[in-house]
């Protein structure tokens, strides 16, 4: 996810001072598989809320790993400004 942010940021002409990624995955035992992944991005930036939403949208659209996980499991995410 961090690599995806590095790839997307130049296209958005945005800057970040830092980002924390928090992931939580749920799995089932039979058959063994991941059923959902929830992610939280805490971003240290002065960008507007609209730009943060655009960042999240582009991560979902352009992120190879996120797109592949979304094919197999429920994928939800939240982006928020670091306080």
PDB file of N, CA and C in Angstrom:
ATOM      1  N   UNK A   1       0.829  -1.185   0.000  1.00  0.00           N
ATOM      2  CA  UNK A   1       0.000   0.000   0.000  1.00  0.00           C
ATOM      3  C   UNK A   1       0.877   1.254   0.000  1.00  0.00           C
ATOM      4  N   UNK A   2       1.970   1.218   0.724  1.00  0.00           N
ATOM      5  CA  UNK A   2       2.866   2.372   0.742  1.00  0.00           C
ATOM      6  C   UNK A   2       3.479   2.584  -0.639  1.00  0.00           C
ATOM      7  N   UNK A   3       3.840   1.507  -1.313  1.00  0.00           N
ATOM      8  CA  UNK A   3       4.376   1.632  -2.670  1.00  0.00           C
ATOM      9  C   UNK A   3       3.332   2.253  -3.593  1.00  0.00           C
ATOM     10  N   UNK A   4       2.083   1.873  -3.441  1.00  0.00           N
ATOM     11  CA  UNK A   4       1.010   2.455  -4.240  1.00  0.00           C
ATOM     12  C   UNK A   4       0.898   3.952  -4.021  1.00  0.00           C
ATOM     13  N   UNK A   5       1.067   4.391  -2.781  1.00  0.00           N
ATOM     14  CA  UNK A   5       1.031   5.823  -2.473  1.00  0.00           C
ATOM     15  C   UNK A   5       2.187   6.529  -3.168  1.00  0.00           C
ATOM     16  N   UNK A   6       3.377   5.909  -3.137  1.00  0.00           N
ATOM     17  CA  UNK A   6       4.536   6.501  -3.808  1.00  0.00           C
ATOM     18  C   UNK A   6       4.303   6.641  -5.309  1.00  0.00           C
ATOM     19  N   UNK A   7       3.606   5.693  -5.901  1.00  0.00           N
ATOM     20  CA  UNK A   7       3.340   5.727  -7.341  1.00  0.00           C
ATOM     21  C   UNK A   7       2.288   6.779  -7.683  1.00  0.00           C
ATOM     22  N   UNK A   8       1.233   6.874  -6.884  1.00  0.00           N
ATOM     23  CA  UNK A   8       0.095   7.745  -7.191  1.00  0.00           C
ATOM     24  C   UNK A   8       0.387   9.223  -6.905  1.00  0.00           C
ATOM     25  N   UNK A   9       1.152   9.530  -5.880  1.00  0.00           N
ATOM     26  CA  UNK A   9       1.346  10.921  -5.458  1.00  0.00           C
ATOM     27  C   UNK A   9       1.864  11.850  -6.562  1.00  0.00           C
ATOM     28  N   UNK A  10       2.851  11.461  -7.371  1.00  0.00           N
ATOM     29  CA  UNK A  10       3.299  12.382  -8.430  1.00  0.00           C
ATOM     30  C   UNK A  10       2.194  12.723  -9.436  1.00  0.00           C
ATOM     31  N   UNK A  11       1.317  11.782  -9.729  1.00  0.00           N
ATOM     32  CA  UNK A  11       0.227  12.042 -10.668  1.00  0.00           C
ATOM     33  C   UNK A  11      -0.782  13.033 -10.093  1.00  0.00           C
ATOM     34  N   UNK A  12      -0.924  13.030  -8.778  1.00  0.00           N
ATOM     35  CA  UNK A  12      -1.868  13.937  -8.125  1.00  0.00           C
ATOM     36  C   UNK A  12      -1.245  15.296  -7.811  1.00  0.00           C
ATOM     37  N   UNK A  13       0.058  15.408  -8.026  1.00  0.00           N
ATOM     38  CA  UNK A  13       0.789  16.640  -7.696  1.00  0.00           C
ATOM     39  C   UNK A  13       0.516  17.048  -6.247  1.00  0.00           C
ATOM     40  N   UNK A  14       0.573  16.070  -5.355  1.00  0.00           N
ATOM     41  CA  UNK A  14       0.328  16.290  -3.930  1.00  0.00           C
ATOM     42  C   UNK A  14       1.580  15.939  -3.142  1.00  0.00           C
ATOM     43  N   UNK A  15       1.617  16.385  -1.907  1.00  0.00           N
ATOM     44  CA  UNK A  15       2.739  16.053  -1.037  1.00  0.00           C
ATOM     45  C   UNK A  15       2.228  15.498   0.285  1.00  0.00           C
ATOM     46  N   UNK A  16       2.999  14.591   0.835  1.00  0.00           N
ATOM     47  CA  UNK A  16       2.714  14.010   2.145  1.00  0.00           C
ATOM     48  C   UNK A  16       3.957  14.157   3.003  1.00  0.00           C
ATOM     49  N   UNK A  17       3.755  14.425   4.278  1.00  0.00           N
ATOM     50  CA  UNK A  17       4.871  14.447   5.213  1.00  0.00           C
ATOM     51  C   UNK A  17       5.045  13.093   5.886  1.00  0.00           C
ATOM     52  N   UNK A  18       4.024  12.249   5.810  1.00  0.00           N
ATOM     53  CA  UNK A  18       4.096  10.916   6.385  1.00  0.00           C
ATOM     54  C   UNK A  18       2.771  10.203   6.252  1.00  0.00           C
ATOM     55  N   UNK A  19       2.812   8.887   6.390  1.00  0.00           N
ATOM     56  CA  UNK A  19       1.586   8.090   6.319  1.00  0.00           C
ATOM     57  C   UNK A  19       1.754   6.854   7.203  1.00  0.00           C
ATOM     58  N   UNK A  20       0.706   6.519   7.923  1.00  0.00           N
ATOM     59  CA  UNK A  20       0.647   5.275   8.692  1.00  0.00           C
ATOM     60  C   UNK A  20      -0.425   4.406   8.061  1.00  0.00           C
ATOM     61  N   UNK A  21      -0.113   3.126   7.880  1.00  0.00           N
ATOM     62  CA  UNK A  21      -1.062   2.180   7.304  1.00  0.00           C
ATOM     63  C   UNK A  21      -1.398   1.150   8.370  1.00  0.00           C
ATOM     64  N   UNK A  22      -2.688   0.988   8.634  1.00  0.00           N
ATOM     65  CA  UNK A  22      -3.162   0.003   9.604  1.00  0.00           C
ATOM     66  C   UNK A  22      -4.058  -0.968   8.854  1.00  0.00           C
ATOM     67  N   UNK A  23      -3.712  -2.253   8.896  1.00  0.00           N
ATOM     68  CA  UNK A  23      -4.485  -3.280   8.198  1.00  0.00           C
ATOM     69  C   UNK A  23      -5.076  -4.253   9.200  1.00  0.00           C
ATOM     70  N   UNK A  24      -6.286  -4.698   8.925  1.00  0.00           N
ATOM     71  CA  UNK A  24      -6.931  -5.734   9.721  1.00  0.00           C
ATOM     72  C   UNK A  24      -7.574  -6.708   8.748  1.00  0.00           C
ATOM     73  N   UNK A  25      -7.180  -7.969   8.823  1.00  0.00           N
ATOM     74  CA  UNK A  25      -7.733  -8.984   7.929  1.00  0.00           C
ATOM     75  C   UNK A  25      -8.480 -10.030   8.744  1.00  0.00           C
ATOM     76  N   UNK A  26      -9.582 -10.522   8.192  1.00  0.00           N
ATOM     77  CA  UNK A  26     -10.348 -11.603   8.823  1.00  0.00           C
ATOM     78  C   UNK A  26     -10.264 -12.821   7.916  1.00  0.00           C
ATOM     79  N   UNK A  27     -10.100 -13.982   8.529  1.00  0.00           N
ATOM     80  CA  UNK A  27      -9.997 -15.213   7.747  1.00  0.00           C
ATOM     81  C   UNK A  27     -10.998 -16.236   8.235  1.00  0.00           C
ATOM     82  N   UNK A  28     -11.287 -17.173   7.377  1.00  0.00           N
ATOM     83  CA  UNK A  28     -12.128 -18.299   7.783  1.00  0.00           C
ATOM     84  C   UNK A  28     -11.272 -19.557   7.740  1.00  0.00           C
ATOM     85  N   UNK A  29     -11.692 -20.568   8.511  1.00  0.00           N
ATOM     86  CA  UNK A  29     -10.900 -21.791   8.606  1.00  0.00           C
ATOM     87  C   UNK A  29     -11.205 -22.794   7.498  1.00  0.00           C
ATOM     88  N   UNK A  30     -12.468 -22.970   7.168  1.00  0.00           N
ATOM     89  CA  UNK A  30     -12.854 -23.977   6.173  1.00  0.00           C
ATOM     90  C   UNK A  30     -13.681 -23.365   5.067  1.00  0.00           C
ATOM     91  N   UNK A  31     -13.257 -23.340   3.869  1.00  0.00           N
ATOM     92  CA  UNK A  31     -11.864 -23.524   3.449  1.00  0.00           C
ATOM     93  C   UNK A  31     -11.035 -22.323   3.882  1.00  0.00           C
ATOM     94  N   UNK A  32      -9.749 -22.537   4.107  1.00  0.00           N
ATOM     95  CA  UNK A  32      -8.923 -21.427   4.579  1.00  0.00           C
ATOM     96  C   UNK A  32      -8.800 -20.332   3.518  1.00  0.00           C
ATOM     97  N   UNK A  33      -9.202 -19.128   3.901  1.00  0.00           N
ATOM     98  CA  UNK A  33      -9.071 -17.981   2.997  1.00  0.00           C
ATOM     99  C   UNK A  33      -9.304 -16.699   3.779  1.00  0.00           C
ATOM    100  N   UNK A  34      -8.831 -15.618   3.230  1.00  0.00           N
ATOM    101  CA  UNK A  34      -9.097 -14.298   3.798  1.00  0.00           C
ATOM    102  C   UNK A  34     -10.454 -13.853   3.282  1.00  0.00           C
ATOM    103  N   UNK A  35     -11.342 -13.430   4.183  1.00  0.00           N
ATOM    104  CA  UNK A  35     -12.686 -13.020   3.770  1.00  0.00           C
ATOM    105  C   UNK A  35     -12.841 -11.505   3.705  1.00  0.00           C
ATOM    106  N   UNK A  36     -12.027 -10.766   4.469  1.00  0.00           N
ATOM    107  CA  UNK A  36     -12.131  -9.307   4.407  1.00  0.00           C
ATOM    108  C   UNK A  36     -10.828  -8.657   4.859  1.00  0.00           C
ATOM    109  N   UNK A  37     -10.599  -7.479   4.316  1.00  0.00           N
ATOM    110  CA  UNK A  37      -9.450  -6.667   4.714  1.00  0.00           C
ATOM    111  C   UNK A  37      -9.941  -5.236   4.899  1.00  0.00           C
ATOM    112  N   UNK A  38      -9.665  -4.666   6.064  1.00  0.00           N
ATOM    113  CA  UNK A  38      -9.990  -3.271   6.346  1.00  0.00           C
ATOM    114  C   UNK A  38      -8.671  -2.518   6.500  1.00  0.00           C
ATOM    115  N   UNK A  39      -8.579  -1.384   5.829  1.00  0.00           N
ATOM    116  CA  UNK A  39      -7.363  -0.592   5.954  1.00  0.00           C
ATOM    117  C   UNK A  39      -7.690   0.819   6.412  1.00  0.00           C
ATOM    118  N   UNK A  40      -6.763   1.381   7.172  1.00  0.00           N
ATOM    119  CA  UNK A  40      -6.858   2.771   7.616  1.00  0.00           C
ATOM    120  C   UNK A  40      -5.566   3.461   7.204  1.00  0.00           C
ATOM    121  N   UNK A  41      -5.698   4.576   6.515  1.00  0.00           N
ATOM    122  CA  UNK A  41      -4.546   5.399   6.171  1.00  0.00           C
ATOM    123  C   UNK A  41      -4.615   6.668   7.000  1.00  0.00           C
ATOM    124  N   UNK A  42      -3.595   6.912   7.791  1.00  0.00           N
ATOM    125  CA  UNK A  42      -3.487   8.163   8.543  1.00  0.00           C
ATOM    126  C   UNK A  42      -2.404   8.985   7.859  1.00  0.00           C
ATOM    127  N   UNK A  43      -2.821  10.082   7.231  1.00  0.00           N
ATOM    128  CA  UNK A  43      -1.941  10.854   6.369  1.00  0.00           C
ATOM    129  C   UNK A  43      -1.583  12.180   7.026  1.00  0.00           C
ATOM    130  N   UNK A  44      -0.293  12.485   7.053  1.00  0.00           N
ATOM    131  CA  UNK A  44       0.194  13.765   7.564  1.00  0.00           C
ATOM    132  C   UNK A  44       0.407  14.684   6.362  1.00  0.00           C
ATOM    133  N   UNK A  45      -0.564  15.570   6.110  1.00  0.00           N
ATOM    134  CA  UNK A  45      -0.520  16.439   4.938  1.00  0.00           C
ATOM    135  C   UNK A  45      -1.401  17.661   5.149  1.00  0.00           C
ATOM    136  N   UNK A  46      -1.170  18.656   4.320  1.00  0.00           N
ATOM    137  CA  UNK A  46      -2.015  19.851   4.323  1.00  0.00           C
ATOM    138  C   UNK A  46      -3.019  19.824   3.177  1.00  0.00           C
ATOM    139  N   UNK A  47      -3.093  18.726   2.442  1.00  0.00           N
ATOM    140  CA  UNK A  47      -4.018  18.612   1.311  1.00  0.00           C
ATOM    141  C   UNK A  47      -5.468  18.668   1.803  1.00  0.00           C
ATOM    142  N   UNK A  48      -6.373  19.057   0.915  1.00  0.00           N
ATOM    143  CA  UNK A  48      -7.798  19.138   1.255  1.00  0.00           C
ATOM    144  C   UNK A  48      -8.389  17.738   1.397  1.00  0.00           C
ATOM    145  N   UNK A  49      -9.561  17.667   2.019  1.00  0.00           N
ATOM    146  CA  UNK A  49     -10.258  16.388   2.151  1.00  0.00           C
ATOM    147  C   UNK A  49     -10.577  15.794   0.783  1.00  0.00           C
ATOM    148  N   UNK A  50     -10.895  16.641  -0.177  1.00  0.00           N
ATOM    149  CA  UNK A  50     -11.192  16.157  -1.533  1.00  0.00           C
ATOM    150  C   UNK A  50      -9.969  15.503  -2.152  1.00  0.00           C
ATOM    151  N   UNK A  51      -8.786  16.070  -1.913  1.00  0.00           N
ATOM    152  CA  UNK A  51      -7.552  15.483  -2.444  1.00  0.00           C
ATOM    153  C   UNK A  51      -7.257  14.149  -1.761  1.00  0.00           C
ATOM    154  N   UNK A  52      -7.569  14.046  -0.464  1.00  0.00           N
ATOM    155  CA  UNK A  52      -7.374  12.772   0.237  1.00  0.00           C
ATOM    156  C   UNK A  52      -8.310  11.703  -0.315  1.00  0.00           C
ATOM    157  N   UNK A  53      -9.552  12.065  -0.604  1.00  0.00           N
ATOM    158  CA  UNK A  53     -10.493  11.118  -1.205  1.00  0.00           C
ATOM    159  C   UNK A  53     -10.005  10.686  -2.585  1.00  0.00           C
ATOM    160  N   UNK A  54      -9.441  11.620  -3.338  1.00  0.00           N
ATOM    161  CA  UNK A  54      -8.898  11.297  -4.651  1.00  0.00           C
ATOM    162  C   UNK A  54      -7.715  10.344  -4.526  1.00  0.00           C
ATOM    163  N   UNK A  55      -6.890  10.538  -3.517  1.00  0.00           N
ATOM    164  CA  UNK A  55      -5.773   9.628  -3.259  1.00  0.00           C
ATOM    165  C   UNK A  55      -6.292   8.222  -3.011  1.00  0.00           C
ATOM    166  N   UNK A  56      -7.284   8.086  -2.146  1.00  0.00           N
ATOM    167  CA  UNK A  56      -7.827   6.763  -1.843  1.00  0.00           C
ATOM    168  C   UNK A  56      -8.449   6.120  -3.086  1.00  0.00           C
ATOM    169  N   UNK A  57      -9.180   6.892  -3.856  1.00  0.00           N
ATOM    170  CA  UNK A  57      -9.797   6.379  -5.079  1.00  0.00           C
ATOM    171  C   UNK A  57      -8.731   5.869  -6.050  1.00  0.00           C
ATOM    172  N   UNK A  58      -7.657   6.626  -6.220  1.00  0.00           N
ATOM    173  CA  UNK A  58      -6.591   6.219  -7.130  1.00  0.00           C
ATOM    174  C   UNK A  58      -5.817   5.017  -6.612  1.00  0.00           C
ATOM    175  N   UNK A  59      -5.667   4.898  -5.302  1.00  0.00           N
ATOM    176  CA  UNK A  59      -5.021   3.709  -4.743  1.00  0.00           C
ATOM    177  C   UNK A  59      -5.825   2.456  -5.066  1.00  0.00           C
ATOM    178  N   UNK A  60      -7.139   2.535  -4.940  1.00  0.00           N
ATOM    179  CA  UNK A  60      -8.003   1.389  -5.241  1.00  0.00           C
ATOM    180  C   UNK A  60      -7.966   1.051  -6.733  1.00  0.00           C
ATOM    181  N   UNK A  61      -7.900   2.077  -7.560  1.00  0.00           N
ATOM    182  CA  UNK A  61      -7.951   1.877  -9.006  1.00  0.00           C
ATOM    183  C   UNK A  61      -6.602   1.417  -9.569  1.00  0.00           C
ATOM    184  N   UNK A  62      -5.507   1.961  -9.054  1.00  0.00           N
ATOM    185  CA  UNK A  62      -4.186   1.718  -9.632  1.00  0.00           C
ATOM    186  C   UNK A  62      -3.350   0.698  -8.866  1.00  0.00           C
ATOM    187  N   UNK A  63      -3.739   0.386  -7.649  1.00  0.00           N
ATOM    188  CA  UNK A  63      -2.940  -0.528  -6.841  1.00  0.00           C
ATOM    189  C   UNK A  63      -3.148  -1.980  -7.237  1.00  0.00           C
ATOM    190  N   UNK A  64      -2.115  -2.598  -7.782  1.00  0.00           N
ATOM    191  CA  UNK A  64      -2.211  -3.978  -8.263  1.00  0.00           C
ATOM    192  C   UNK A  64      -2.628  -4.938  -7.160  1.00  0.00           C
ATOM    193  N   UNK A  65      -2.001  -4.837  -6.008  1.00  0.00           N
ATOM    194  CA  UNK A  65      -2.314  -5.755  -4.914  1.00  0.00           C
ATOM    195  C   UNK A  65      -3.734  -5.520  -4.414  1.00  0.00           C
ATOM    196  N   UNK A  66      -4.117  -4.263  -4.240  1.00  0.00           N
ATOM    197  CA  UNK A  66      -5.475  -3.970  -3.771  1.00  0.00           C
ATOM    198  C   UNK A  66      -6.525  -4.478  -4.754  1.00  0.00           C
ATOM    199  N   UNK A  67      -6.286  -4.305  -6.038  1.00  0.00           N
ATOM    200  CA  UNK A  67      -7.246  -4.793  -7.038  1.00  0.00           C
ATOM    201  C   UNK A  67      -7.373  -6.310  -6.968  1.00  0.00           C
ATOM    202  N   UNK A  68      -6.266  -7.017  -6.789  1.00  0.00           N
ATOM    203  CA  UNK A  68      -6.317  -8.479  -6.717  1.00  0.00           C
ATOM    204  C   UNK A  68      -6.988  -8.964  -5.440  1.00  0.00           C
ATOM    205  N   UNK A  69      -6.715  -8.320  -4.324  1.00  0.00           N
ATOM    206  CA  UNK A  69      -7.374  -8.693  -3.069  1.00  0.00           C
ATOM    207  C   UNK A  69      -8.871  -8.458  -3.185  1.00  0.00           C
ATOM    208  N   UNK A  70      -9.267  -7.356  -3.817  1.00  0.00           N
ATOM    209  CA  UNK A  70     -10.691  -7.022  -3.957  1.00  0.00           C
ATOM    210  C   UNK A  70     -11.448  -8.064  -4.779  1.00  0.00           C
ATOM    211  N   UNK A  71     -10.763  -8.802  -5.637  1.00  0.00           N
ATOM    212  CA  UNK A  71     -11.411  -9.864  -6.408  1.00  0.00           C
ATOM    213  C   UNK A  71     -11.781 -11.058  -5.534  1.00  0.00           C
ATOM    214  N   UNK A  72     -11.046 -11.253  -4.442  1.00  0.00           N
ATOM    215  CA  UNK A  72     -11.236 -12.444  -3.619  1.00  0.00           C
ATOM    216  C   UNK A  72     -11.857 -12.174  -2.253  1.00  0.00           C
ATOM    217  N   UNK A  73     -11.821 -10.948  -1.784  1.00  0.00           N
ATOM    218  CA  UNK A  73     -12.287 -10.647  -0.426  1.00  0.00           C
ATOM    219  C   UNK A  73     -12.910  -9.255  -0.393  1.00  0.00           C
ATOM    220  N   UNK A  74     -13.726  -9.030   0.630  1.00  0.00           N
ATOM    221  CA  UNK A  74     -14.291  -7.698   0.842  1.00  0.00           C
ATOM    222  C   UNK A  74     -13.155  -6.771   1.259  1.00  0.00           C
ATOM    223  N   UNK A  75     -13.088  -5.616   0.639  1.00  0.00           N
ATOM    224  CA  UNK A  75     -12.025  -4.659   0.913  1.00  0.00           C
ATOM    225  C   UNK A  75     -12.650  -3.309   1.238  1.00  0.00           C
ATOM    226  N   UNK A  76     -12.414  -2.831   2.462  1.00  0.00           N
ATOM    227  CA  UNK A  76     -12.927  -1.531   2.897  1.00  0.00           C
ATOM    228  C   UNK A  76     -11.759  -0.698   3.404  1.00  0.00           C
ATOM    229  N   UNK A  77     -11.887   0.608   3.241  1.00  0.00           N
ATOM    230  CA  UNK A  77     -10.808   1.466   3.696  1.00  0.00           C
ATOM    231  C   UNK A  77     -11.281   2.828   4.130  1.00  0.00           C
ATOM    232  N   UNK A  78     -10.479   3.428   4.989  1.00  0.00           N
ATOM    233  CA  UNK A  78     -10.736   4.766   5.510  1.00  0.00           C
ATOM    234  C   UNK A  78      -9.440   5.551   5.370  1.00  0.00           C
ATOM    235  N   UNK A  79      -9.572   6.795   4.955  1.00  0.00           N
ATOM    236  CA  UNK A  79      -8.413   7.681   4.929  1.00  0.00           C
ATOM    237  C   UNK A  79      -8.734   8.874   5.814  1.00  0.00           C
ATOM    238  N   UNK A  80      -7.774   9.236   6.652  1.00  0.00           N
ATOM    239  CA  UNK A  80      -8.007  10.365   7.554  1.00  0.00           C
ATOM    240  C   UNK A  80      -6.701  11.132   7.750  1.00  0.00           C
ATOM    241  N   UNK A  81      -6.875  12.352   8.134  1.00  0.00           N
ATOM    242  CA  UNK A  81      -5.743  13.234   8.400  1.00  0.00           C
ATOM    243  C   UNK A  81      -5.161  12.886   9.771  1.00  0.00           C
ATOM    244  N   UNK A  82      -3.852  12.817   9.837  1.00  0.00           N
ATOM    245  CA  UNK A  82      -3.178  12.539  11.104  1.00  0.00           C
ATOM    246  C   UNK A  82      -3.314  13.753  12.015  1.00  0.00           C
ATOM    247  N   UNK A  83      -3.710  13.515  13.250  1.00  0.00           N
ATOM    248  CA  UNK A  83      -3.910  14.650  14.166  1.00  0.00           C
ATOM    249  C   UNK A  83      -2.714  14.873  15.058  1.00  0.00           C
TER     250      UNK A  83
END
